[in-house]
Amino acid sequence: MRKQSQTIYEVTIQYIGSLTALRQREPFVVFFSNLKKAVETIIGQLALNGWPIKVNYTAVYRSLKQRGSYQCDFDVAGAKVFRIRIIPQILNPVLTTMGIDEKPAEPTRKK
């Protein structure tokens, strides 16, 4: 039975800019199987924490189709604070030969 490949969405919150030196933080990465749920979660967290809502489903969808990724920077008083990046990833990709060729037949020996 062959498994189907599925697209999942990697959402990364990466801290950037001059404030990073003051407060070192690792990027936060989360995966979603549904793009709409990913965007809704981002919008909810931005609203809950007082950030402007600069992300919408249509912009994310179009950017993923055209460029293969979406990113949006957030700043305070001109200083960049963090970047949201969404990248589609393939879950259970079709297995390839990985560049390994078929084993050649051994030569037959004459008796």
Protein backbone atom coordinates (compact mmCIF):
# COMPACT_ATOMS: atom_id res chain seq x y z
CA MET A 1 0.00 0.00 0.00
CA ARG A 2 1.49 3.33 -1.07
CA LYS A 3 1.27 6.28 1.30
CA GLN A 4 0.14 9.65 -0.02
CA SER A 5 2.38 12.69 0.18
CA GLN A 6 0.84 15.56 2.13
CA THR A 7 1.74 19.22 2.35
CA ILE A 8 2.22 20.63 5.83
CA TYR A 9 3.09 24.22 6.68
CA GLU A 10 6.11 25.17 8.75
CA VAL A 11 5.53 28.43 10.62
CA THR A 12 8.69 30.02 12.04
CA ILE A 13 8.84 33.02 14.34
CA GLN A 14 12.39 34.35 14.09
CA TYR A 15 13.61 37.20 16.27
CA ILE A 16 15.59 39.75 14.27
CA GLY A 17 16.97 43.25 14.48
CA SER A 18 18.78 45.20 17.15
CA LEU A 19 16.63 43.91 20.02
CA THR A 20 17.98 40.39 19.44
CA ALA A 21 21.31 41.35 21.04
CA LEU A 22 19.53 42.36 24.24
CA ARG A 23 17.26 39.35 24.45
CA GLN A 24 18.60 36.18 22.84
CA ARG A 25 15.79 33.86 21.76
CA GLU A 26 15.72 30.75 19.63
CA PRO A 27 13.36 30.71 16.65
CA PHE A 28 9.97 29.16 17.41
CA VAL A 29 8.83 26.57 14.86
CA VAL A 30 5.41 24.91 14.64
CA PHE A 31 3.78 22.78 11.93
CA PHE A 32 0.19 22.87 10.67
CA SER A 33 -1.58 20.48 8.30
CA ASN A 34 -4.10 23.17 7.33
CA LEU A 35 -3.05 26.58 5.98
CA LYS A 36 -6.25 28.29 7.12
CA LYS A 37 -5.72 27.08 10.70
CA ALA A 38 -2.11 28.28 10.59
CA VAL A 39 -3.14 31.77 9.48
CA GLU A 40 -6.00 31.91 12.02
CA THR A 41 -3.62 30.93 14.83
CA ILE A 42 -1.10 33.59 13.78
CA ILE A 43 -3.81 36.27 13.59
CA GLY A 44 -5.16 35.25 17.00
CA GLN A 45 -1.75 35.41 18.67
CA LEU A 46 -0.90 38.75 17.05
CA ALA A 47 -4.20 40.24 18.24
CA LEU A 48 -3.86 38.75 21.71
CA ASN A 49 -0.39 40.27 22.13
CA GLY A 50 -1.20 43.70 20.69
CA TRP A 51 0.59 43.43 17.33
CA PRO A 52 -0.95 44.81 14.13
CA ILE A 53 -2.67 42.21 11.96
CA LYS A 54 -0.52 42.30 8.82
CA VAL A 55 -1.15 38.66 7.87
CA ASN A 56 -4.17 37.43 5.92
CA TYR A 57 -5.03 34.16 4.24
CA THR A 58 -5.17 35.53 0.69
CA ALA A 59 -1.72 37.14 0.91
CA VAL A 60 -0.20 33.99 2.40
CA TYR A 61 -1.83 31.70 -0.19
CA ARG A 62 -0.74 33.86 -3.14
CA SER A 63 2.81 34.22 -1.83
CA LEU A 64 3.14 30.46 -1.33
CA LYS A 65 1.93 29.83 -4.90
CA GLN A 66 4.14 32.52 -6.49
CA ARG A 67 7.32 32.44 -4.38
CA GLY A 68 7.10 29.20 -2.44
CA SER A 69 7.21 30.99 0.93
CA TYR A 70 5.64 33.86 2.87
CA GLN A 71 7.30 36.22 5.30
CA CYS A 72 6.25 39.31 7.19
CA ASP A 73 8.37 41.50 9.49
CA PHE A 74 7.05 43.22 12.61
CA ASP A 75 8.68 46.31 14.11
CA VAL A 76 8.37 48.82 16.94
CA ALA A 77 9.40 52.44 16.28
CA GLY A 78 11.33 51.38 13.18
CA ALA A 79 13.30 48.60 14.92
CA LYS A 80 12.51 45.13 13.57
CA VAL A 81 11.51 42.71 16.30
CA PHE A 82 10.49 39.44 14.65
CA ARG A 83 9.68 37.80 11.32
CA ILE A 84 6.94 35.30 10.60
CA ARG A 85 7.85 32.86 7.83
CA ILE A 86 5.56 30.19 6.37
CA ILE A 87 7.04 27.46 4.17
CA PRO A 88 5.23 24.43 2.73
CA GLN A 89 6.91 21.10 3.47
CA ILE A 90 6.18 17.64 2.04
CA LEU A 91 5.26 14.98 4.57
CA ASN A 92 5.84 11.39 3.40
CA PRO A 93 7.53 12.26 0.10
CA VAL A 94 7.59 9.65 -2.64
CA LEU A 95 10.65 7.50 -2.10
CA THR A 96 13.33 7.84 -4.73
CA THR A 97 16.33 5.72 -5.60
CA MET A 98 18.47 8.39 -3.89
CA GLY A 99 20.93 8.15 -6.77
CA ILE A 100 21.70 4.48 -6.12
CA ASP A 101 21.85 2.55 -9.38
CA GLU A 102 20.85 -1.07 -9.83
CA LYS A 103 23.59 -3.55 -9.02
CA PRO A 104 25.29 -4.79 -12.20
CA ALA A 105 25.15 -8.50 -12.92
CA GLU A 106 28.29 -10.39 -11.99
CA PRO A 107 30.19 -11.74 -14.99
CA THR A 108 29.75 -15.45 -15.60
CA ARG A 109 32.88 -17.58 -15.29
CA LYS A 110 33.89 -20.01 -17.99
CA LYS A 111 34.67 -23.55 -16.82
